[in-house]
Amino acid sequence: GLAGAGGVLSLYGMSALVVAVIAALALVLPVWAAALIVGGVLLLLAGLLALAGIGQVKRGTPLTPDEAIASTKRDVETVKESARR
């Protein structure tokens, strides 16, 4: 809905700003160099954000569902004890 439209418009806005930065750098550098510099900086920022996000995910979620495993082990022990009686 409206949130999606806002997201799409923000992407267009960011693209326009990136083009403006490239155009500004193109005043003192060849256009290809300006585009390469801006693209490299954007990729570097994307990589740093991705690494930060991966770090947050690793800290935030356990790799194994410890509570579920412990509960299942208790259930198995209960069934074994019931079968012995």
N, C-alpha and C. Protein backbone atom coordinates (compact mmCIF):
# COMPACT_ATOMS: atom_id res chain seq x y z
N GLY A 1 0.81 -1.17 0.00
CA GLY A 1 0.00 0.00 0.00
C GLY A 1 0.86 1.25 0.00
N LEU A 2 0.48 2.13 0.88
CA LEU A 2 1.15 3.43 0.94
C LEU A 2 2.59 3.31 1.44
N ALA A 3 2.83 2.39 2.37
CA ALA A 3 4.19 2.21 2.87
C ALA A 3 5.10 1.70 1.75
N GLY A 4 4.60 0.80 0.93
CA GLY A 4 5.38 0.30 -0.20
C GLY A 4 5.69 1.41 -1.20
N ALA A 5 4.69 2.25 -1.46
CA ALA A 5 4.90 3.38 -2.37
C ALA A 5 5.94 4.34 -1.80
N GLY A 6 5.87 4.56 -0.49
CA GLY A 6 6.88 5.41 0.15
C GLY A 6 8.27 4.82 0.04
N GLY A 7 8.37 3.49 0.19
CA GLY A 7 9.66 2.83 0.05
C GLY A 7 10.22 2.96 -1.36
N VAL A 8 9.35 2.78 -2.35
CA VAL A 8 9.79 2.91 -3.74
C VAL A 8 10.24 4.34 -4.03
N LEU A 9 9.47 5.32 -3.56
CA LEU A 9 9.85 6.71 -3.79
C LEU A 9 11.16 7.06 -3.08
N SER A 10 11.39 6.47 -1.91
CA SER A 10 12.66 6.75 -1.22
C SER A 10 13.83 6.16 -1.99
N LEU A 11 13.63 5.01 -2.64
CA LEU A 11 14.70 4.45 -3.48
C LEU A 11 15.01 5.37 -4.66
N TYR A 12 13.95 5.91 -5.28
CA TYR A 12 14.17 6.86 -6.38
C TYR A 12 14.90 8.11 -5.87
N GLY A 13 14.53 8.57 -4.69
CA GLY A 13 15.18 9.74 -4.12
C GLY A 13 16.65 9.50 -3.85
N MET A 14 16.96 8.33 -3.29
CA MET A 14 18.36 8.00 -3.02
C MET A 14 19.14 7.87 -4.32
N SER A 15 18.51 7.28 -5.34
CA SER A 15 19.18 7.16 -6.64
C SER A 15 19.49 8.54 -7.21
N ALA A 16 18.56 9.46 -7.07
CA ALA A 16 18.79 10.82 -7.56
C ALA A 16 19.96 11.48 -6.82
N LEU A 17 20.05 11.23 -5.52
CA LEU A 17 21.17 11.80 -4.76
C LEU A 17 22.50 11.18 -5.18
N VAL A 18 22.51 9.90 -5.46
CA VAL A 18 23.73 9.24 -5.92
C VAL A 18 24.16 9.83 -7.26
N VAL A 19 23.20 10.02 -8.16
CA VAL A 19 23.51 10.63 -9.46
C VAL A 19 24.05 12.04 -9.27
N ALA A 20 23.49 12.78 -8.32
CA ALA A 20 23.96 14.14 -8.06
C ALA A 20 25.40 14.14 -7.56
N VAL A 21 25.75 13.18 -6.71
CA VAL A 21 27.13 13.09 -6.21
C VAL A 21 28.07 12.75 -7.36
N ILE A 22 27.65 11.82 -8.22
CA ILE A 22 28.48 11.47 -9.38
C ILE A 22 28.67 12.69 -10.28
N ALA A 23 27.59 13.43 -10.51
CA ALA A 23 27.68 14.63 -11.36
C ALA A 23 28.61 15.67 -10.75
N ALA A 24 28.55 15.83 -9.43
CA ALA A 24 29.43 16.80 -8.77
C ALA A 24 30.89 16.38 -8.89
N LEU A 25 31.16 15.10 -8.69
CA LEU A 25 32.54 14.62 -8.84
C LEU A 25 33.00 14.70 -10.29
N ALA A 26 32.06 14.56 -11.22
CA ALA A 26 32.41 14.60 -12.65
C ALA A 26 32.89 15.99 -13.08
N LEU A 27 32.68 16.99 -12.24
CA LEU A 27 33.19 18.32 -12.56
C LEU A 27 34.71 18.37 -12.46
N VAL A 28 35.28 17.50 -11.61
CA VAL A 28 36.74 17.52 -11.42
C VAL A 28 37.41 16.22 -11.85
N LEU A 29 36.61 15.20 -12.14
CA LEU A 29 37.14 13.89 -12.57
C LEU A 29 36.40 13.45 -13.82
N PRO A 30 36.96 12.50 -14.57
CA PRO A 30 36.17 11.91 -15.66
C PRO A 30 34.92 11.23 -15.08
N VAL A 31 33.87 11.18 -15.88
CA VAL A 31 32.60 10.62 -15.40
C VAL A 31 32.78 9.17 -14.94
N TRP A 32 33.56 8.38 -15.68
CA TRP A 32 33.74 6.98 -15.30
C TRP A 32 34.42 6.87 -13.94
N ALA A 33 35.38 7.75 -13.66
CA ALA A 33 36.07 7.72 -12.37
C ALA A 33 35.13 8.14 -11.24
N ALA A 34 34.32 9.14 -11.49
CA ALA A 34 33.36 9.58 -10.48
C ALA A 34 32.37 8.47 -10.16
N ALA A 35 31.86 7.80 -11.19
CA ALA A 35 30.91 6.70 -10.98
C ALA A 35 31.58 5.54 -10.25
N LEU A 36 32.83 5.26 -10.60
CA LEU A 36 33.56 4.16 -9.96
C LEU A 36 33.80 4.46 -8.48
N ILE A 37 34.17 5.68 -8.16
CA ILE A 37 34.40 6.06 -6.77
C ILE A 37 33.11 5.97 -5.96
N VAL A 38 32.03 6.53 -6.49
CA VAL A 38 30.76 6.50 -5.76
C VAL A 38 30.27 5.06 -5.61
N GLY A 39 30.38 4.27 -6.67
CA GLY A 39 29.97 2.87 -6.58
C GLY A 39 30.79 2.10 -5.57
N GLY A 40 32.09 2.34 -5.54
CA GLY A 40 32.96 1.66 -4.57
C GLY A 40 32.63 2.03 -3.14
N VAL A 41 32.38 3.32 -2.91
CA VAL A 41 32.01 3.77 -1.56
C VAL A 41 30.69 3.13 -1.13
N LEU A 42 29.72 3.09 -2.05
CA LEU A 42 28.43 2.48 -1.72
C LEU A 42 28.57 0.99 -1.41
N LEU A 43 29.39 0.28 -2.20
CA LEU A 43 29.62 -1.14 -1.93
C LEU A 43 30.34 -1.35 -0.60
N LEU A 44 31.29 -0.48 -0.29
CA LEU A 44 31.98 -0.57 1.00
C LEU A 44 31.00 -0.38 2.15
N LEU A 45 30.14 0.63 2.04
CA LEU A 45 29.14 0.87 3.09
C LEU A 45 28.17 -0.31 3.20
N ALA A 46 27.77 -0.87 2.07
CA ALA A 46 26.87 -2.02 2.09
C ALA A 46 27.53 -3.21 2.78
N GLY A 47 28.80 -3.43 2.51
CA GLY A 47 29.52 -4.53 3.15
C GLY A 47 29.64 -4.34 4.65
N LEU A 48 29.94 -3.11 5.08
CA LEU A 48 30.05 -2.84 6.51
C LEU A 48 28.71 -3.03 7.21
N LEU A 49 27.63 -2.56 6.58
CA LEU A 49 26.30 -2.75 7.17
C LEU A 49 25.92 -4.22 7.22
N ALA A 50 26.28 -4.96 6.18
CA ALA A 50 25.98 -6.40 6.17
C ALA A 50 26.73 -7.11 7.30
N LEU A 51 28.00 -6.77 7.49
CA LEU A 51 28.77 -7.39 8.57
C LEU A 51 28.19 -7.04 9.94
N ALA A 52 27.77 -5.80 10.10
CA ALA A 52 27.16 -5.40 11.37
C ALA A 52 25.85 -6.15 11.59
N GLY A 53 25.07 -6.31 10.53
CA GLY A 53 23.81 -7.04 10.64
C GLY A 53 24.02 -8.50 10.96
N ILE A 54 25.02 -9.12 10.35
CA ILE A 54 25.32 -10.52 10.63
C ILE A 54 25.74 -10.67 12.09
N GLY A 55 26.53 -9.73 12.58
CA GLY A 55 26.93 -9.77 13.99
C GLY A 55 25.75 -9.67 14.92
N GLN A 56 24.78 -8.82 14.60
CA GLN A 56 23.59 -8.70 15.43
C GLN A 56 22.76 -9.98 15.41
N VAL A 57 22.64 -10.59 14.25
CA VAL A 57 21.87 -11.84 14.15
C VAL A 57 22.54 -12.94 14.96
N LYS A 58 23.86 -13.03 14.88
CA LYS A 58 24.57 -14.07 15.62
C LYS A 58 24.43 -13.88 17.13
N ARG A 59 24.43 -12.63 17.58
CA ARG A 59 24.27 -12.37 19.02
C ARG A 59 22.83 -12.55 19.46
N GLY A 60 21.89 -12.31 18.57
CA GLY A 60 20.48 -12.29 18.96
C GLY A 60 19.78 -13.62 18.93
N THR A 61 20.21 -14.54 18.11
CA THR A 61 19.51 -15.82 18.01
C THR A 61 20.46 -16.96 18.32
N PRO A 62 20.02 -17.87 19.19
CA PRO A 62 20.87 -19.03 19.47
C PRO A 62 20.90 -19.96 18.25
N LEU A 63 22.01 -20.65 18.08
CA LEU A 63 22.13 -21.57 16.95
C LEU A 63 21.28 -22.82 17.14
N THR A 64 21.06 -23.20 18.41
CA THR A 64 20.23 -24.37 18.67
C THR A 64 19.09 -23.97 19.59
N PRO A 65 17.94 -24.59 19.40
CA PRO A 65 16.79 -24.30 20.28
C PRO A 65 16.96 -25.04 21.61
N ASP A 66 17.75 -24.48 22.51
CA ASP A 66 18.11 -25.16 23.76
C ASP A 66 16.90 -25.57 24.58
N GLU A 67 15.92 -24.70 24.71
CA GLU A 67 14.75 -25.03 25.52
C GLU A 67 13.96 -26.18 24.91
N ALA A 68 13.82 -26.18 23.60
CA ALA A 68 13.08 -27.26 22.94
C ALA A 68 13.81 -28.58 23.09
N ILE A 69 15.13 -28.57 22.98
CA ILE A 69 15.91 -29.80 23.13
C ILE A 69 15.78 -30.33 24.55
N ALA A 70 15.90 -29.45 25.54
CA ALA A 70 15.78 -29.88 26.93
C ALA A 70 14.39 -30.43 27.20
N SER A 71 13.36 -29.79 26.69
CA SER A 71 11.99 -30.26 26.89
C SER A 71 11.79 -31.63 26.24
N THR A 72 12.33 -31.82 25.06
CA THR A 72 12.20 -33.11 24.38
C THR A 72 12.92 -34.20 25.14
N LYS A 73 14.10 -33.89 25.68
CA LYS A 73 14.83 -34.89 26.48
C LYS A 73 14.04 -35.27 27.72
N ARG A 74 13.41 -34.29 28.37
CA ARG A 74 12.57 -34.60 29.53
C ARG A 74 11.40 -35.49 29.14
N ASP A 75 10.80 -35.19 27.99
CA ASP A 75 9.68 -36.00 27.51
C ASP A 75 10.11 -37.43 27.25
N VAL A 76 11.27 -37.60 26.63
CA VAL A 76 11.78 -38.94 26.34
C VAL A 76 12.03 -39.69 27.64
N GLU A 77 12.62 -39.03 28.62
CA GLU A 77 12.87 -39.68 29.91
C GLU A 77 11.55 -40.07 30.58
N THR A 78 10.55 -39.22 30.50
CA THR A 78 9.24 -39.52 31.09
C THR A 78 8.63 -40.74 30.42
N VAL A 79 8.72 -40.83 29.10
CA VAL A 79 8.17 -41.98 28.38
C VAL A 79 8.94 -43.24 28.74
N LYS A 80 10.27 -43.15 28.85
CA LYS A 80 11.07 -44.32 29.22
C LYS A 80 10.70 -44.81 30.61
N GLU A 81 10.53 -43.88 31.55
CA GLU A 81 10.15 -44.27 32.90
C GLU A 81 8.76 -44.91 32.93
N SER A 82 7.85 -44.39 32.15
CA SER A 82 6.50 -44.95 32.10
C SER A 82 6.53 -46.34 31.49
N ALA A 83 7.40 -46.58 30.53
CA ALA A 83 7.48 -47.89 29.88
C ALA A 83 8.08 -48.93 30.81
N ARG A 84 8.94 -48.52 31.73
CA ARG A 84 9.58 -49.45 32.66
C ARG A 84 8.60 -49.95 33.71
N ARG A 85 7.57 -49.19 34.02
CA ARG A 85 6.63 -49.56 35.08
C ARG A 85 5.67 -50.57 34.64
